[in-house]
Amino acid sequence: MTVSSAPGKVYLFGEHAVVYGEPAVPCAIERRARVTVEQRSDDRLRVQADDLSIDGFTVEYGGQHDGQHDVNVPEPLISAAMGYVDGAIEQVHDVTGEDDVGFDVTIESDIPLGAGLGSSAAVVVAAIDAATRELGLTLETDELAERAYRTEHAVQEGQASRADTFCSATGGAVRVEGDDCRSIEAPELPFVIGFDGGAGETGELVAGVRALRDEYDFAADTVEAIGDVVRRGETALRAGDLEEVGRLMNFNHGLLSALGVSARDLETMVWAARDAGAHGAKLTGAGGGGCIVALDPTPETETALRFTPGCEDAFRAELAEEGVKRLA
């Protein structure tokens, strides 16, 4: 039996625009997915998932799943979760050459599914790491991140970036621009996260931005403007200027709103955080529902969010300096 964990993430800057080669700065946070893998004596795959905002489920099948599962959970959520697990195991078979090996896989996660905190990336990174080690092979972090990216890229039909998986594999603050991924220095970042209890449809939201960008020159300009915000944000991070980082987060949120990926509850939480004195606040991830991230070293933003209509949960999150962890 082998166990790995990997962190979720928030975006300081750059979601959506990163799909088009603009830079992005995601930061790993200490909310983790833990994956336990045990080799089977046959070629079947048994997956038990808990705490993924869907009350848990167990599925067992041989080979690739057929899209039908005899469990009382909405099929789109099952299909998404199983697609990532299937893709991770495909990568394990590819890198080890052990095509006929089956696994019992248990997923435990305190990262809400589809909420913009990188739940799928964390699961994929931890699953590939645990399953390869179960077969006696330990991947270097860069290869682990690359194989996790290939999994997300396939499941998301070519619309994924390397940002989430690289950040989850390496931890800390990272900069991603196209294929160029690297860790960057960052000051202490007082993250406060608000969660509306929902989840956005990542594929639909990414496709919607793509349609706007293809139809309107000013939408394409908006995507490029997000890249400009990211570059200014990097300068502010290096200087440790949290007030400027916050202002640029606000700019980034406004540009994302213009691209149509915000939502009523996200806007309400963003403005509650700003009114409480946060340096800045923005949606994080694909949008459409899920989470916002704010910077505030005081307790004021967390308190305000807890009393904000539409906010189901609010919590502080530390920067996860370590990415994937080998637990057993």
C-alpha atoms as a PDB file:
ATOM      1  CA  MET A   1       0.000   0.000   0.000  1.00  0.00           C
ATOM      2  CA  THR A   2       1.319   3.431  -0.976  1.00  0.00           C
ATOM      3  CA  VAL A   3      -0.046   6.843   0.020  1.00  0.00           C
ATOM      4  CA  SER A   4       0.638  10.282  -1.493  1.00  0.00           C
ATOM      5  CA  SER A   5      -0.903  13.693  -0.970  1.00  0.00           C
ATOM      6  CA  ALA A   6      -0.862  16.799  -3.145  1.00  0.00           C
ATOM      7  CA  PRO A   7      -2.069  20.347  -2.451  1.00  0.00           C
ATOM      8  CA  GLY A   8      -4.767  22.423  -4.050  1.00  0.00           C
ATOM      9  CA  LYS A   9      -4.116  25.949  -5.289  1.00  0.00           C
ATOM     10  CA  VAL A  10      -5.413  29.462  -5.706  1.00  0.00           C
ATOM     11  CA  TYR A  11      -4.631  31.819  -8.559  1.00  0.00           C
ATOM     12  CA  LEU A  12      -3.170  35.160  -7.614  1.00  0.00           C
ATOM     13  CA  PHE A  13      -3.353  36.112 -11.297  1.00  0.00           C
ATOM     14  CA  GLY A  14      -3.842  34.718 -14.746  1.00  0.00           C
ATOM     15  CA  GLU A  15      -6.545  32.061 -14.967  1.00  0.00           C
ATOM     16  CA  HIS A  16      -8.162  31.671 -18.405  1.00  0.00           C
ATOM     17  CA  ALA A  17      -5.480  33.827 -20.068  1.00  0.00           C
ATOM     18  CA  VAL A  18      -2.895  31.122 -19.303  1.00  0.00           C
ATOM     19  CA  VAL A  19      -4.685  28.852 -21.803  1.00  0.00           C
ATOM     20  CA  TYR A  20      -3.571  31.285 -24.551  1.00  0.00           C
ATOM     21  CA  GLY A  21       0.087  31.434 -23.566  1.00  0.00           C
ATOM     22  CA  GLU A  22      -0.141  34.385 -21.182  1.00  0.00           C
ATOM     23  CA  PRO A  23       1.627  34.009 -17.818  1.00  0.00           C
ATOM     24  CA  ALA A  24      -0.148  32.986 -14.626  1.00  0.00           C
ATOM     25  CA  VAL A  25       0.834  32.826 -10.959  1.00  0.00           C
ATOM     26  CA  PRO A  26      -0.905  30.072  -8.980  1.00  0.00           C
ATOM     27  CA  CYS A  27       0.036  29.292  -5.366  1.00  0.00           C
ATOM     28  CA  ALA A  28      -0.282  25.923  -3.643  1.00  0.00           C
ATOM     29  CA  ILE A  29      -2.367  25.913  -0.447  1.00  0.00           C
ATOM     30  CA  GLU A  30      -2.562  23.521   2.481  1.00  0.00           C
ATOM     31  CA  ARG A  31      -5.771  21.865   1.396  1.00  0.00           C
ATOM     32  CA  ARG A  32      -4.859  18.415   0.125  1.00  0.00           C
ATOM     33  CA  ALA A  33      -6.014  15.335  -1.716  1.00  0.00           C
ATOM     34  CA  ARG A  34      -4.682  12.050  -0.323  1.00  0.00           C
ATOM     35  CA  VAL A  35      -4.581   8.983  -2.568  1.00  0.00           C
ATOM     36  CA  THR A  36      -3.956   5.452  -1.304  1.00  0.00           C
ATOM     37  CA  VAL A  37      -3.041   2.827  -3.910  1.00  0.00           C
ATOM     38  CA  GLU A  38      -2.682  -0.927  -3.493  1.00  0.00           C
ATOM     39  CA  GLN A  39      -1.800  -3.294  -6.324  1.00  0.00           C
ATOM     40  CA  ARG A  40      -4.377  -5.987  -7.098  1.00  0.00           C
ATOM     41  CA  SER A  41      -3.860  -9.550  -8.268  1.00  0.00           C
ATOM     42  CA  ASP A  42      -5.990  -8.855 -11.362  1.00  0.00           C
ATOM     43  CA  ASP A  43      -6.293  -6.031 -13.908  1.00  0.00           C
ATOM     44  CA  ARG A  44      -9.364  -4.400 -12.379  1.00  0.00           C
ATOM     45  CA  LEU A  45      -9.575  -0.909 -10.951  1.00  0.00           C
ATOM     46  CA  ARG A  46     -11.552  -0.231  -7.791  1.00  0.00           C
ATOM     47  CA  VAL A  47     -11.955   3.419  -6.820  1.00  0.00           C
ATOM     48  CA  GLN A  48     -13.373   4.702  -3.560  1.00  0.00           C
ATOM     49  CA  ALA A  49     -13.706   8.464  -3.278  1.00  0.00           C
ATOM     50  CA  ASP A  50     -14.592  10.387  -0.125  1.00  0.00           C
ATOM     51  CA  ASP A  51     -15.002  14.057   0.798  1.00  0.00           C
ATOM     52  CA  LEU A  52     -15.153  15.332  -2.786  1.00  0.00           C
ATOM     53  CA  SER A  53     -18.331  17.329  -2.116  1.00  0.00           C
ATOM     54  CA  ILE A  54     -20.379  14.369  -3.356  1.00  0.00           C
ATOM     55  CA  ASP A  55     -20.699  12.229  -0.188  1.00  0.00           C
ATOM     56  CA  GLY A  56     -18.357   9.567  -1.554  1.00  0.00           C
ATOM     57  CA  PHE A  57     -18.759   6.645  -3.919  1.00  0.00           C
ATOM     58  CA  THR A  58     -17.137   3.339  -4.819  1.00  0.00           C
ATOM     59  CA  VAL A  59     -16.762   2.015  -8.364  1.00  0.00           C
ATOM     60  CA  GLU A  60     -15.105  -1.185  -9.559  1.00  0.00           C
ATOM     61  CA  TYR A  61     -14.565  -2.123 -13.202  1.00  0.00           C
ATOM     62  CA  GLY A  62     -12.176  -3.749 -15.600  1.00  0.00           C
ATOM     63  CA  GLY A  63     -10.195  -1.741 -18.133  1.00  0.00           C
ATOM     64  CA  GLN A  64     -11.536   1.673 -19.117  1.00  0.00           C
ATOM     65  CA  HIS A  65     -14.887   2.609 -17.603  1.00  0.00           C
ATOM     66  CA  ASP A  66     -17.870   2.665 -19.960  1.00  0.00           C
ATOM     67  CA  GLY A  67     -19.400   5.872 -18.609  1.00  0.00           C
ATOM     68  CA  GLN A  68     -22.147   4.046 -16.675  1.00  0.00           C
ATOM     69  CA  HIS A  69     -21.906   3.503 -12.928  1.00  0.00           C
ATOM     70  CA  ASP A  70     -24.380   1.849 -10.593  1.00  0.00           C
ATOM     71  CA  VAL A  71     -24.099   4.477  -7.860  1.00  0.00           C
ATOM     72  CA  ASN A  72     -26.463   7.115  -6.560  1.00  0.00           C
ATOM     73  CA  VAL A  73     -24.314  10.112  -7.530  1.00  0.00           C
ATOM     74  CA  PRO A  74     -24.907  12.544 -10.434  1.00  0.00           C
ATOM     75  CA  GLU A  75     -23.301  11.058 -13.547  1.00  0.00           C
ATOM     76  CA  PRO A  76     -21.397  14.236 -14.588  1.00  0.00           C
ATOM     77  CA  LEU A  77     -19.545  14.276 -11.251  1.00  0.00           C
ATOM     78  CA  ILE A  78     -18.749  10.567 -11.460  1.00  0.00           C
ATOM     79  CA  SER A  79     -17.586  10.890 -15.061  1.00  0.00           C
ATOM     80  CA  ALA A  80     -15.304  13.820 -14.227  1.00  0.00           C
ATOM     81  CA  ALA A  81     -13.774  12.113 -11.203  1.00  0.00           C
ATOM     82  CA  MET A  82     -13.344   8.775 -12.967  1.00  0.00           C
ATOM     83  CA  GLY A  83     -11.910  10.411 -16.082  1.00  0.00           C
ATOM     84  CA  TYR A  84      -9.063  11.875 -14.056  1.00  0.00           C
ATOM     85  CA  VAL A  85      -8.399   8.602 -12.237  1.00  0.00           C
ATOM     86  CA  ASP A  86      -8.452   6.646 -15.509  1.00  0.00           C
ATOM     87  CA  GLY A  87      -6.058   9.114 -17.082  1.00  0.00           C
ATOM     88  CA  ALA A  88      -3.702   8.923 -14.115  1.00  0.00           C
ATOM     89  CA  ILE A  89      -3.623   5.122 -14.260  1.00  0.00           C
ATOM     90  CA  GLU A  90      -3.007   5.259 -18.017  1.00  0.00           C
ATOM     91  CA  GLN A  91       0.074   7.368 -17.318  1.00  0.00           C
ATOM     92  CA  VAL A  92       1.222   4.863 -14.698  1.00  0.00           C
ATOM     93  CA  HIS A  93       0.840   1.980 -17.157  1.00  0.00           C
ATOM     94  CA  ASP A  94       2.729   3.977 -19.787  1.00  0.00           C
ATOM     95  CA  VAL A  95       5.705   4.929 -17.639  1.00  0.00           C
ATOM     96  CA  THR A  96       6.071   1.539 -15.940  1.00  0.00           C
ATOM     97  CA  GLY A  97       5.197  -0.704 -18.894  1.00  0.00           C
ATOM     98  CA  GLU A  98       2.906  -2.694 -16.576  1.00  0.00           C
ATOM     99  CA  ASP A  99      -0.219  -2.595 -18.737  1.00  0.00           C
ATOM    100  CA  ASP A 100      -2.102  -5.439 -17.031  1.00  0.00           C
ATOM    101  CA  VAL A 101      -1.794  -4.269 -13.411  1.00  0.00           C
ATOM    102  CA  GLY A 102      -4.930  -3.360 -11.460  1.00  0.00           C
ATOM    103  CA  PHE A 103      -5.243  -1.186  -8.369  1.00  0.00           C
ATOM    104  CA  ASP A 104      -7.449  -0.426  -5.409  1.00  0.00           C
ATOM    105  CA  VAL A 105      -7.505   3.372  -5.191  1.00  0.00           C
ATOM    106  CA  THR A 106      -8.897   5.393  -2.282  1.00  0.00           C
ATOM    107  CA  ILE A 107      -9.223   9.155  -2.620  1.00  0.00           C
ATOM    108  CA  GLU A 108      -9.737  11.434   0.374  1.00  0.00           C
ATOM    109  CA  SER A 109      -9.837  15.153  -0.240  1.00  0.00           C
ATOM    110  CA  ASP A 110     -10.607  18.329   1.652  1.00  0.00           C
ATOM    111  CA  ILE A 111     -10.554  20.323  -1.612  1.00  0.00           C
ATOM    112  CA  PRO A 112     -14.079  21.054  -2.926  1.00  0.00           C
ATOM    113  CA  LEU A 113     -14.680  19.532  -6.356  1.00  0.00           C
ATOM    114  CA  GLY A 114     -14.886  22.025  -9.233  1.00  0.00           C
ATOM    115  CA  ALA A 115     -14.595  25.047  -6.947  1.00  0.00           C
ATOM    116  CA  GLY A 116     -11.449  26.596  -8.431  1.00  0.00           C
ATOM    117  CA  LEU A 117      -9.003  25.167  -5.898  1.00  0.00           C
ATOM    118  CA  GLY A 118      -7.364  22.588  -8.149  1.00  0.00           C
ATOM    119  CA  SER A 119      -9.037  19.431  -6.837  1.00  0.00           C
ATOM    120  CA  SER A 120      -8.571  17.444 -10.042  1.00  0.00           C
ATOM    121  CA  ALA A 121      -4.894  18.373 -10.370  1.00  0.00           C
ATOM    122  CA  ALA A 122      -4.218  17.364  -6.765  1.00  0.00           C
ATOM    123  CA  VAL A 123      -5.944  14.005  -7.236  1.00  0.00           C
ATOM    124  CA  VAL A 124      -4.106  13.285 -10.484  1.00  0.00           C
ATOM    125  CA  VAL A 125      -0.685  14.251  -9.099  1.00  0.00           C
ATOM    126  CA  ALA A 126      -1.156  12.194  -5.933  1.00  0.00           C
ATOM    127  CA  ALA A 127      -2.589   9.211  -7.842  1.00  0.00           C
ATOM    128  CA  ILE A 128       0.263   9.030 -10.358  1.00  0.00           C
ATOM    129  CA  ASP A 129       2.838   9.425  -7.608  1.00  0.00           C
ATOM    130  CA  ALA A 130       1.316   6.757  -5.362  1.00  0.00           C
ATOM    131  CA  ALA A 131       0.643   4.224  -8.136  1.00  0.00           C
ATOM    132  CA  THR A 132       4.092   4.478  -9.700  1.00  0.00           C
ATOM    133  CA  ARG A 133       5.729   4.101  -6.303  1.00  0.00           C
ATOM    134  CA  GLU A 134       3.476   1.104  -5.596  1.00  0.00           C
ATOM    135  CA  LEU A 135       5.109  -0.503  -8.634  1.00  0.00           C
ATOM    136  CA  GLY A 136       8.593   0.404  -7.459  1.00  0.00           C
ATOM    137  CA  LEU A 137       9.242   3.548  -9.523  1.00  0.00           C
ATOM    138  CA  THR A 138       9.605   7.076  -8.137  1.00  0.00           C
ATOM    139  CA  LEU A 139       9.152   9.867 -10.674  1.00  0.00           C
ATOM    140  CA  GLU A 140      11.076  13.115 -10.554  1.00  0.00           C
ATOM    141  CA  THR A 141       8.834  16.088  -9.811  1.00  0.00           C
ATOM    142  CA  ASP A 142       9.090  17.532 -13.328  1.00  0.00           C
ATOM    143  CA  GLU A 143       8.045  14.247 -14.962  1.00  0.00           C
ATOM    144  CA  LEU A 144       5.243  13.800 -12.452  1.00  0.00           C
ATOM    145  CA  ALA A 145       3.945  17.293 -13.287  1.00  0.00           C
ATOM    146  CA  GLU A 146       4.225  16.592 -17.027  1.00  0.00           C
ATOM    147  CA  ARG A 147       2.291  13.327 -16.820  1.00  0.00           C
ATOM    148  CA  ALA A 148      -0.360  14.908 -14.628  1.00  0.00           C
ATOM    149  CA  TYR A 149      -0.704  17.705 -17.190  1.00  0.00           C
ATOM    150  CA  ARG A 150      -1.164  15.167 -19.995  1.00  0.00           C
ATOM    151  CA  THR A 151      -4.001  13.625 -17.992  1.00  0.00           C
ATOM    152  CA  GLU A 152      -5.809  16.947 -17.461  1.00  0.00           C
ATOM    153  CA  HIS A 153      -5.164  17.967 -21.076  1.00  0.00           C
ATOM    154  CA  ALA A 154      -6.863  14.789 -22.326  1.00  0.00           C
ATOM    155  CA  VAL A 155      -9.824  14.933 -19.926  1.00  0.00           C
ATOM    156  CA  GLN A 156     -10.401  18.647 -20.606  1.00  0.00           C
ATOM    157  CA  GLU A 157     -10.168  18.072 -24.367  1.00  0.00           C
ATOM    158  CA  GLY A 158      -7.057  20.143 -24.912  1.00  0.00           C
ATOM    159  CA  GLN A 159      -8.167  23.163 -22.848  1.00  0.00           C
ATOM    160  CA  ALA A 160      -5.954  22.629 -19.786  1.00  0.00           C
ATOM    161  CA  SER A 161      -2.807  24.539 -18.930  1.00  0.00           C
ATOM    162  CA  ARG A 162       0.218  23.273 -17.040  1.00  0.00           C
ATOM    163  CA  ALA A 163      -0.438  25.670 -14.167  1.00  0.00           C
ATOM    164  CA  ASP A 164      -2.563  23.552 -11.817  1.00  0.00           C
ATOM    165  CA  THR A 165      -0.623  20.306 -12.098  1.00  0.00           C
ATOM    166  CA  PHE A 166       2.812  21.942 -11.919  1.00  0.00           C
ATOM    167  CA  CYS A 167       1.771  23.953  -8.864  1.00  0.00           C
ATOM    168  CA  SER A 168       0.349  20.873  -7.136  1.00  0.00           C
ATOM    169  CA  ALA A 169       3.447  18.790  -7.862  1.00  0.00           C
ATOM    170  CA  THR A 170       6.008  21.388  -6.774  1.00  0.00           C
ATOM    171  CA  GLY A 171       4.207  23.466  -4.143  1.00  0.00           C
ATOM    172  CA  GLY A 172       4.861  27.111  -3.304  1.00  0.00           C
ATOM    173  CA  ALA A 173       4.236  29.992  -5.705  1.00  0.00           C
ATOM    174  CA  VAL A 174       4.906  29.246  -9.364  1.00  0.00           C
ATOM    175  CA  ARG A 175       4.965  31.057 -12.672  1.00  0.00           C
ATOM    176  CA  VAL A 176       3.596  29.357 -15.763  1.00  0.00           C
ATOM    177  CA  GLU A 177       3.797  30.743 -19.301  1.00  0.00           C
ATOM    178  CA  GLY A 178       3.181  28.203 -22.033  1.00  0.00           C
ATOM    179  CA  ASP A 179       5.589  25.316 -21.460  1.00  0.00           C
ATOM    180  CA  ASP A 180       7.806  27.407 -19.170  1.00  0.00           C
ATOM    181  CA  CYS A 181       7.041  26.456 -15.568  1.00  0.00           C
ATOM    182  CA  ARG A 182       9.139  27.480 -12.579  1.00  0.00           C
ATOM    183  CA  SER A 183       8.952  28.236  -8.888  1.00  0.00           C
ATOM    184  CA  ILE A 184       9.150  31.871  -7.790  1.00  0.00           C
ATOM    185  CA  GLU A 185       9.818  33.610  -4.510  1.00  0.00           C
ATOM    186  CA  ALA A 186       6.842  35.135  -2.744  1.00  0.00           C
ATOM    187  CA  PRO A 187       6.332  36.941   0.567  1.00  0.00           C
ATOM    188  CA  GLU A 188       4.017  35.593   3.245  1.00  0.00           C
ATOM    189  CA  LEU A 189       0.598  35.643   1.619  1.00  0.00           C
ATOM    190  CA  PRO A 190      -2.357  35.933   4.021  1.00  0.00           C
ATOM    191  CA  PHE A 191      -4.917  33.982   1.979  1.00  0.00           C
ATOM    192  CA  VAL A 192      -8.576  34.045   2.933  1.00  0.00           C
ATOM    193  CA  ILE A 193     -10.897  31.892   0.844  1.00  0.00           C
ATOM    194  CA  GLY A 194     -14.645  32.167   0.487  1.00  0.00           C
ATOM    195  CA  PHE A 195     -16.638  29.239  -0.940  1.00  0.00           C
ATOM    196  CA  ASP A 196     -20.203  29.520  -2.223  1.00  0.00           C
ATOM    197  CA  GLY A 197     -20.814  25.762  -2.049  1.00  0.00           C
ATOM    198  CA  GLY A 198     -21.105  25.440  -5.817  1.00  0.00           C
ATOM    199  CA  ALA A 199     -18.976  24.490  -8.763  1.00  0.00           C
ATOM    200  CA  GLY A 200     -18.496  25.940 -12.215  1.00  0.00           C
ATOM    201  CA  GLU A 201     -18.471  23.903 -15.421  1.00  0.00           C
ATOM    202  CA  THR A 202     -14.826  24.388 -16.348  1.00  0.00           C
ATOM    203  CA  GLY A 203     -15.182  23.156 -19.925  1.00  0.00           C
ATOM    204  CA  GLU A 204     -18.153  25.401 -20.656  1.00  0.00           C
ATOM    205  CA  LEU A 205     -16.495  28.444 -19.095  1.00  0.00           C
ATOM    206  CA  VAL A 206     -13.240  27.942 -21.009  1.00  0.00           C
ATOM    207  CA  ALA A 207     -15.199  27.418 -24.218  1.00  0.00           C
ATOM    208  CA  GLY A 208     -17.191  30.578 -23.527  1.00  0.00           C
ATOM    209  CA  VAL A 209     -14.037  32.667 -23.184  1.00  0.00           C
ATOM    210  CA  ARG A 210     -12.668  31.105 -26.359  1.00  0.00           C
ATOM    211  CA  ALA A 211     -15.842  32.028 -28.255  1.00  0.00           C
ATOM    212  CA  LEU A 212     -15.688  35.642 -27.050  1.00  0.00           C
ATOM    213  CA  ARG A 213     -12.002  35.877 -27.890  1.00  0.00           C
ATOM    214  CA  ASP A 214     -12.611  34.535 -31.391  1.00  0.00           C
ATOM    215  CA  GLU A 215     -15.563  36.864 -32.042  1.00  0.00           C
ATOM    216  CA  TYR A 216     -14.408  40.150 -30.546  1.00  0.00           C
ATOM    217  CA  ASP A 217     -11.021  41.841 -30.822  1.00  0.00           C
ATOM    218  CA  PHE A 218     -11.621  43.590 -27.511  1.00  0.00           C
ATOM    219  CA  ALA A 219     -12.111  40.222 -25.794  1.00  0.00           C
ATOM    220  CA  ALA A 220      -8.752  39.096 -27.177  1.00  0.00           C
ATOM    221  CA  ASP A 221      -7.311  42.368 -25.871  1.00  0.00           C
ATOM    222  CA  THR A 222      -8.830  41.604 -22.457  1.00  0.00           C
ATOM    223  CA  VAL A 223      -7.029  38.257 -22.368  1.00  0.00           C
ATOM    224  CA  GLU A 224      -3.754  40.018 -23.205  1.00  0.00           C
ATOM    225  CA  ALA A 225      -4.462  42.628 -20.530  1.00  0.00           C
ATOM    226  CA  ILE A 226      -4.679  39.841 -17.948  1.00  0.00           C
ATOM    227  CA  GLY A 227      -1.168  38.841 -19.006  1.00  0.00           C
ATOM    228  CA  ASP A 228      -0.008  42.424 -18.437  1.00  0.00           C
ATOM    229  CA  VAL A 229      -1.541  42.361 -14.940  1.00  0.00           C
ATOM    230  CA  VAL A 230       0.334  39.152 -14.177  1.00  0.00           C
ATOM    231  CA  ARG A 231       3.667  40.694 -15.171  1.00  0.00           C
ATOM    232  CA  ARG A 232       3.040  43.724 -12.964  1.00  0.00           C
ATOM    233  CA  GLY A 233       1.974  41.349 -10.209  1.00  0.00           C
ATOM    234  CA  GLU A 234       5.262  39.481 -10.375  1.00  0.00           C
ATOM    235  CA  THR A 235       7.124  42.753  -9.788  1.00  0.00           C
ATOM    236  CA  ALA A 236       4.933  43.497  -6.773  1.00  0.00           C
ATOM    237  CA  LEU A 237       5.519  40.000  -5.379  1.00  0.00           C
ATOM    238  CA  ARG A 238       9.287  40.353  -5.676  1.00  0.00           C
ATOM    239  CA  ALA A 239       9.065  43.673  -3.834  1.00  0.00           C
ATOM    240  CA  GLY A 240       6.827  42.191  -1.139  1.00  0.00           C
ATOM    241  CA  ASP A 241       4.250  44.914  -1.849  1.00  0.00           C
ATOM    242  CA  LEU A 242       1.002  43.234  -0.776  1.00  0.00           C
ATOM    243  CA  GLU A 243      -1.052  46.388  -1.307  1.00  0.00           C
ATOM    244  CA  GLU A 244      -0.017  46.482  -4.964  1.00  0.00           C
ATOM    245  CA  VAL A 245      -0.567  42.722  -5.300  1.00  0.00           C
ATOM    246  CA  GLY A 246      -4.075  43.261  -3.971  1.00  0.00           C
ATOM    247  CA  ARG A 247      -4.819  46.122  -6.352  1.00  0.00           C
ATOM    248  CA  LEU A 248      -3.699  44.003  -9.269  1.00  0.00           C
ATOM    249  CA  MET A 249      -5.853  41.106  -8.057  1.00  0.00           C
ATOM    250  CA  ASN A 250      -8.798  43.512  -8.207  1.00  0.00           C
ATOM    251  CA  PHE A 251      -7.883  44.463 -11.783  1.00  0.00           C
ATOM    252  CA  ASN A 252      -7.594  40.797 -12.703  1.00  0.00           C
ATOM    253  CA  HIS A 253     -11.039  40.082 -11.278  1.00  0.00           C
ATOM    254  CA  GLY A 254     -12.576  42.932 -13.247  1.00  0.00           C
ATOM    255  CA  LEU A 255     -11.116  41.586 -16.484  1.00  0.00           C
ATOM    256  CA  LEU A 256     -12.384  38.078 -15.719  1.00  0.00           C
ATOM    257  CA  SER A 257     -15.822  39.510 -15.014  1.00  0.00           C
ATOM    258  CA  ALA A 258     -15.726  41.248 -18.396  1.00  0.00           C
ATOM    259  CA  LEU A 259     -15.077  37.838 -19.975  1.00  0.00           C
ATOM    260  CA  GLY A 260     -18.254  36.512 -18.362  1.00  0.00           C
ATOM    261  CA  VAL A 261     -16.818  33.982 -15.919  1.00  0.00           C
ATOM    262  CA  SER A 262     -17.881  35.562 -12.639  1.00  0.00           C
ATOM    263  CA  ALA A 263     -21.198  34.905 -10.871  1.00  0.00           C
ATOM    264  CA  ARG A 264     -23.503  36.681  -8.437  1.00  0.00           C
ATOM    265  CA  ASP A 265     -22.231  34.878  -5.308  1.00  0.00           C
ATOM    266  CA  LEU A 266     -18.612  35.368  -6.355  1.00  0.00           C
ATOM    267  CA  GLU A 267     -19.181  39.099  -6.844  1.00  0.00           C
ATOM    268  CA  THR A 268     -20.911  39.355  -3.467  1.00  0.00           C
ATOM    269  CA  MET A 269     -18.002  37.642  -1.725  1.00  0.00           C
ATOM    270  CA  VAL A 270     -15.388  39.708  -3.575  1.00  0.00           C
ATOM    271  CA  TRP A 271     -17.033  42.962  -2.520  1.00  0.00           C
ATOM    272  CA  ALA A 272     -17.564  41.757   1.055  1.00  0.00           C
ATOM    273  CA  ALA A 273     -13.827  41.053   1.277  1.00  0.00           C
ATOM    274  CA  ARG A 274     -12.879  44.416  -0.183  1.00  0.00           C
ATOM    275  CA  ASP A 275     -15.305  46.248   2.101  1.00  0.00           C
ATOM    276  CA  ALA A 276     -13.756  44.429   5.075  1.00  0.00           C
ATOM    277  CA  GLY A 277     -10.358  45.901   4.191  1.00  0.00           C
ATOM    278  CA  ALA A 278      -8.694  43.117   2.199  1.00  0.00           C
ATOM    279  CA  HIS A 279      -5.753  44.230   0.065  1.00  0.00           C
ATOM    280  CA  GLY A 280      -7.525  42.630  -2.880  1.00  0.00           C
ATOM    281  CA  ALA A 281     -10.027  39.908  -3.785  1.00  0.00           C
ATOM    282  CA  LYS A 282     -10.877  37.967  -6.921  1.00  0.00           C
ATOM    283  CA  LEU A 283     -12.403  34.748  -8.129  1.00  0.00           C
ATOM    284  CA  THR A 284     -10.001  31.847  -8.430  1.00  0.00           C
ATOM    285  CA  GLY A 285     -10.133  29.141 -11.070  1.00  0.00           C
ATOM    286  CA  ALA A 286     -12.542  28.812 -13.950  1.00  0.00           C
ATOM    287  CA  GLY A 287     -15.295  30.801 -12.215  1.00  0.00           C
ATOM    288  CA  GLY A 288     -19.034  30.404 -12.598  1.00  0.00           C
ATOM    289  CA  GLY A 289     -19.259  29.472  -8.921  1.00  0.00           C
ATOM    290  CA  GLY A 290     -16.888  28.100  -6.326  1.00  0.00           C
ATOM    291  CA  CYS A 291     -14.279  30.193  -4.555  1.00  0.00           C
ATOM    292  CA  ILE A 292     -12.794  33.641  -4.213  1.00  0.00           C
ATOM    293  CA  VAL A 293      -9.390  34.410  -2.737  1.00  0.00           C
ATOM    294  CA  ALA A 294      -8.548  37.536  -0.765  1.00  0.00           C
ATOM    295  CA  LEU A 295      -5.398  38.863   0.891  1.00  0.00           C
ATOM    296  CA  ASP A 296      -5.927  40.051   4.455  1.00  0.00           C
ATOM    297  CA  PRO A 297      -3.625  39.512   7.461  1.00  0.00           C
ATOM    298  CA  THR A 298      -6.409  40.577   9.854  1.00  0.00           C
ATOM    299  CA  PRO A 299      -9.460  38.475  10.818  1.00  0.00           C
ATOM    300  CA  GLU A 300     -11.836  41.016   9.279  1.00  0.00           C
ATOM    301  CA  THR A 301     -12.301  39.441   5.825  1.00  0.00           C
ATOM    302  CA  GLU A 302     -12.880  35.927   7.149  1.00  0.00           C
ATOM    303  CA  THR A 303     -15.425  37.269   9.631  1.00  0.00           C
ATOM    304  CA  ALA A 304     -17.192  39.331   6.980  1.00  0.00           C
ATOM    305  CA  LEU A 305     -17.398  36.391   4.577  1.00  0.00           C
ATOM    306  CA  ARG A 306     -18.954  34.169   7.236  1.00  0.00           C
ATOM    307  CA  PHE A 307     -21.860  36.623   7.432  1.00  0.00           C
ATOM    308  CA  THR A 308     -22.125  37.189   3.674  1.00  0.00           C
ATOM    309  CA  PRO A 309     -25.204  35.764   1.913  1.00  0.00           C
ATOM    310  CA  GLY A 310     -24.135  33.146  -0.610  1.00  0.00           C
ATOM    311  CA  CYS A 311     -20.922  32.245   1.217  1.00  0.00           C
ATOM    312  CA  GLU A 312     -21.140  28.694   2.553  1.00  0.00           C
ATOM    313  CA  ASP A 313     -17.677  28.581   4.089  1.00  0.00           C
ATOM    314  CA  ALA A 314     -14.737  30.898   4.740  1.00  0.00           C
ATOM    315  CA  PHE A 315     -11.291  29.890   5.903  1.00  0.00           C
ATOM    316  CA  ARG A 316      -7.658  30.896   5.993  1.00  0.00           C
ATOM    317  CA  ALA A 317      -5.164  28.878   3.946  1.00  0.00           C
ATOM    318  CA  GLU A 318      -1.405  28.801   4.304  1.00  0.00           C
ATOM    319  CA  LEU A 319       0.926  28.617   1.338  1.00  0.00           C
ATOM    320  CA  ALA A 320       1.908  24.949   0.857  1.00  0.00           C
ATOM    321  CA  GLU A 321       5.672  25.149   0.519  1.00  0.00           C
ATOM    322  CA  GLU A 322       5.840  21.436  -0.282  1.00  0.00           C
ATOM    323  CA  GLY A 323       4.017  19.925  -3.230  1.00  0.00           C
ATOM    324  CA  VAL A 324       3.438  16.195  -3.490  1.00  0.00           C
ATOM    325  CA  LYS A 325       4.187  14.351  -0.232  1.00  0.00           C
ATOM    326  CA  ARG A 326       4.995  10.668   0.158  1.00  0.00           C
ATOM    327  CA  LEU A 327       3.039   9.569   3.240  1.00  0.00           C
ATOM    328  CA  ALA A 328       3.562   5.787   3.113  1.00  0.00           C
END
